[in-house]
Amino acid sequence: MCDGGAEKVSAAQMLETLLASETTGDLLVLFHRNPGLIDTLDSIARRIGRTGNSIEEDVRGLVNLGILKTRRIGRSEVLLLDRARDREVLDAVAKHLRNLEGVEKIDNIKF
């Protein structure tokens, strides 16, 4: 399904991935509301009303960013949130947004 490694990407690329689709947004909401969730691709897809095949590309993007990790448990490959990497990505995106010209200061926003 996924290769499981975080790639070096710019904050702008991170933001682009995070805003890539409604499905990516649904996955982020699911994992942020349930940070201890560990489940298979198909089960996660069912939780957000989709099929495994339809979310695979979005999951791959989040795995490539390192926000989601894959693990093998028995015969199943499962997905889980990497909380530390999620925080790093959110911080990098917030810093990027603060540095954009014409954007009001968002220093007081907490993620």
C-alpha atoms as a PDB file:
ATOM      1  CA  MET A   1       0.000   0.000   0.000  1.00  0.00           C
ATOM      2  CA  CYS A   2       2.457   2.678   1.220  1.00  0.00           C
ATOM      3  CA  ASP A   3       6.185   2.889   1.641  1.00  0.00           C
ATOM      4  CA  GLY A   4       6.061   4.459   5.126  1.00  0.00           C
ATOM      5  CA  GLY A   5       8.883   7.015   4.844  1.00  0.00           C
ATOM      6  CA  ALA A   6       8.662  10.751   5.304  1.00  0.00           C
ATOM      7  CA  GLU A   7      10.226  12.652   2.398  1.00  0.00           C
ATOM      8  CA  LYS A   8      11.905  16.056   2.612  1.00  0.00           C
ATOM      9  CA  VAL A   9       9.350  18.557   1.335  1.00  0.00           C
ATOM     10  CA  SER A  10       8.888  22.295   1.630  1.00  0.00           C
ATOM     11  CA  ALA A  11       6.200  23.836   3.812  1.00  0.00           C
ATOM     12  CA  ALA A  12       4.391  24.950   0.651  1.00  0.00           C
ATOM     13  CA  GLN A  13       4.351  21.349  -0.612  1.00  0.00           C
ATOM     14  CA  MET A  14       3.122  20.180   2.799  1.00  0.00           C
ATOM     15  CA  LEU A  15       0.273  22.678   2.660  1.00  0.00           C
ATOM     16  CA  GLU A  16      -0.584  21.605  -0.872  1.00  0.00           C
ATOM     17  CA  THR A  17      -0.769  17.960   0.244  1.00  0.00           C
ATOM     18  CA  LEU A  18      -2.885  18.802   3.294  1.00  0.00           C
ATOM     19  CA  LEU A  19      -5.351  20.727   1.134  1.00  0.00           C
ATOM     20  CA  ALA A  20      -5.263  18.252  -1.770  1.00  0.00           C
ATOM     21  CA  SER A  21      -8.783  16.890  -1.429  1.00  0.00           C
ATOM     22  CA  GLU A  22     -11.829  16.521   0.735  1.00  0.00           C
ATOM     23  CA  THR A  23     -10.724  12.968   1.473  1.00  0.00           C
ATOM     24  CA  THR A  24      -7.386  14.169   2.856  1.00  0.00           C
ATOM     25  CA  GLY A  25      -9.289  16.581   5.068  1.00  0.00           C
ATOM     26  CA  ASP A  26     -11.587  13.791   6.262  1.00  0.00           C
ATOM     27  CA  LEU A  27      -8.569  11.608   7.085  1.00  0.00           C
ATOM     28  CA  LEU A  28      -6.914  14.394   9.054  1.00  0.00           C
ATOM     29  CA  VAL A  29     -10.099  15.076  11.010  1.00  0.00           C
ATOM     30  CA  LEU A  30     -10.516  11.358  11.756  1.00  0.00           C
ATOM     31  CA  PHE A  31      -6.974  10.951  13.069  1.00  0.00           C
ATOM     32  CA  HIS A  32      -6.970  14.236  15.005  1.00  0.00           C
ATOM     33  CA  ARG A  33     -10.239  13.325  16.716  1.00  0.00           C
ATOM     34  CA  ASN A  34      -8.943   9.790  17.360  1.00  0.00           C
ATOM     35  CA  PRO A  35      -5.153  10.178  17.762  1.00  0.00           C
ATOM     36  CA  GLY A  36      -4.744   6.627  19.091  1.00  0.00           C
ATOM     37  CA  LEU A  37      -6.538   5.066  16.112  1.00  0.00           C
ATOM     38  CA  ILE A  38      -4.734   2.083  14.586  1.00  0.00           C
ATOM     39  CA  ASP A  39      -6.635   0.438  11.747  1.00  0.00           C
ATOM     40  CA  THR A  40      -6.429  -1.004   8.241  1.00  0.00           C
ATOM     41  CA  LEU A  41      -6.902   1.036   5.089  1.00  0.00           C
ATOM     42  CA  ASP A  42     -10.295  -0.514   4.360  1.00  0.00           C
ATOM     43  CA  SER A  43     -11.576   0.021   7.893  1.00  0.00           C
ATOM     44  CA  ILE A  44     -10.415   3.635   7.900  1.00  0.00           C
ATOM     45  CA  ALA A  45     -12.111   4.150   4.547  1.00  0.00           C
ATOM     46  CA  ARG A  46     -15.374   2.782   5.948  1.00  0.00           C
ATOM     47  CA  ARG A  47     -15.110   5.176   8.905  1.00  0.00           C
ATOM     48  CA  ILE A  48     -15.194   8.123   6.492  1.00  0.00           C
ATOM     49  CA  GLY A  49     -17.737   6.602   4.121  1.00  0.00           C
ATOM     50  CA  ARG A  50     -15.388   5.609   1.330  1.00  0.00           C
ATOM     51  CA  THR A  51     -13.658   2.562  -0.107  1.00  0.00           C
ATOM     52  CA  GLY A  52     -10.032   1.566   0.442  1.00  0.00           C
ATOM     53  CA  ASN A  53      -9.182   2.084  -3.212  1.00  0.00           C
ATOM     54  CA  SER A  54     -10.668   5.585  -3.223  1.00  0.00           C
ATOM     55  CA  ILE A  55      -8.529   6.815  -0.303  1.00  0.00           C
ATOM     56  CA  GLU A  56      -5.253   5.117  -1.174  1.00  0.00           C
ATOM     57  CA  GLU A  57      -3.719   8.117  -2.957  1.00  0.00           C
ATOM     58  CA  ASP A  58      -4.650  10.492  -0.116  1.00  0.00           C
ATOM     59  CA  VAL A  59      -3.258   8.068   2.473  1.00  0.00           C
ATOM     60  CA  ARG A  60      -0.052   7.760   0.448  1.00  0.00           C
ATOM     61  CA  GLY A  61       0.347  11.561   0.508  1.00  0.00           C
ATOM     62  CA  LEU A  62      -0.038  11.654   4.294  1.00  0.00           C
ATOM     63  CA  VAL A  63       2.358   8.726   4.708  1.00  0.00           C
ATOM     64  CA  ASN A  64       4.900  10.462   2.455  1.00  0.00           C
ATOM     65  CA  LEU A  65       4.656  13.552   4.676  1.00  0.00           C
ATOM     66  CA  GLY A  66       5.142  11.297   7.691  1.00  0.00           C
ATOM     67  CA  ILE A  67       1.854  12.316   9.316  1.00  0.00           C
ATOM     68  CA  LEU A  68       0.582   8.754   9.019  1.00  0.00           C
ATOM     69  CA  LYS A  69       2.760   5.701   9.565  1.00  0.00           C
ATOM     70  CA  THR A  70       2.231   2.132   8.454  1.00  0.00           C
ATOM     71  CA  ARG A  71       2.936  -0.883  10.624  1.00  0.00           C
ATOM     72  CA  ARG A  72       2.506  -4.591  10.142  1.00  0.00           C
ATOM     73  CA  ILE A  73       0.491  -6.310  12.856  1.00  0.00           C
ATOM     74  CA  GLY A  74       0.268 -10.006  12.131  1.00  0.00           C
ATOM     75  CA  ARG A  75      -0.824 -10.310   8.509  1.00  0.00           C
ATOM     76  CA  SER A  76      -2.403  -6.857   8.401  1.00  0.00           C
ATOM     77  CA  GLU A  77      -0.853  -3.547   7.477  1.00  0.00           C
ATOM     78  CA  VAL A  78      -2.280  -0.778   9.651  1.00  0.00           C
ATOM     79  CA  LEU A  79      -2.152   3.011   9.676  1.00  0.00           C
ATOM     80  CA  LEU A  80      -1.595   5.266  12.649  1.00  0.00           C
ATOM     81  CA  LEU A  81      -0.943   8.940  13.365  1.00  0.00           C
ATOM     82  CA  ASP A  82       2.643  10.006  14.054  1.00  0.00           C
ATOM     83  CA  ARG A  83       1.850  12.725  16.590  1.00  0.00           C
ATOM     84  CA  ALA A  84       5.361  14.185  16.681  1.00  0.00           C
ATOM     85  CA  ARG A  85       5.610  14.464  12.894  1.00  0.00           C
ATOM     86  CA  ASP A  86       2.057  15.835  12.707  1.00  0.00           C
ATOM     87  CA  ARG A  87       3.105  18.620  15.096  1.00  0.00           C
ATOM     88  CA  GLU A  88       6.241  19.321  13.007  1.00  0.00           C
ATOM     89  CA  VAL A  89       4.189  19.620   9.827  1.00  0.00           C
ATOM     90  CA  LEU A  90       1.609  21.896  11.465  1.00  0.00           C
ATOM     91  CA  ASP A  91       4.387  24.104  12.861  1.00  0.00           C
ATOM     92  CA  ALA A  92       6.166  24.288   9.480  1.00  0.00           C
ATOM     93  CA  VAL A  93       2.938  25.190   7.668  1.00  0.00           C
ATOM     94  CA  ALA A  94       2.075  27.845  10.294  1.00  0.00           C
ATOM     95  CA  LYS A  95       5.569  29.363   9.946  1.00  0.00           C
ATOM     96  CA  HIS A  96       5.219  29.345   6.156  1.00  0.00           C
ATOM     97  CA  LEU A  97       1.853  31.100   6.357  1.00  0.00           C
ATOM     98  CA  ARG A  98       3.258  33.731   8.752  1.00  0.00           C
ATOM     99  CA  ASN A  99       6.016  34.526   6.260  1.00  0.00           C
ATOM    100  CA  LEU A 100       3.774  34.976   3.217  1.00  0.00           C
ATOM    101  CA  GLU A 101       3.481  38.561   2.014  1.00  0.00           C
ATOM    102  CA  GLY A 102       0.073  40.128   2.443  1.00  0.00           C
ATOM    103  CA  VAL A 103      -1.017  37.636   5.090  1.00  0.00           C
ATOM    104  CA  GLU A 104      -2.002  39.089   8.456  1.00  0.00           C
ATOM    105  CA  LYS A 105      -0.080  37.827  11.449  1.00  0.00           C
ATOM    106  CA  ILE A 106      -1.370  34.509  12.765  1.00  0.00           C
ATOM    107  CA  ASP A 107       1.154  34.204  15.582  1.00  0.00           C
ATOM    108  CA  ASN A 108      -1.543  33.750  18.212  1.00  0.00           C
ATOM    109  CA  ILE A 109      -3.270  30.840  16.498  1.00  0.00           C
ATOM    110  CA  LYS A 110      -2.836  27.511  18.283  1.00  0.00           C
ATOM    111  CA  PHE A 111      -3.031  24.253  16.344  1.00  0.00           C
END
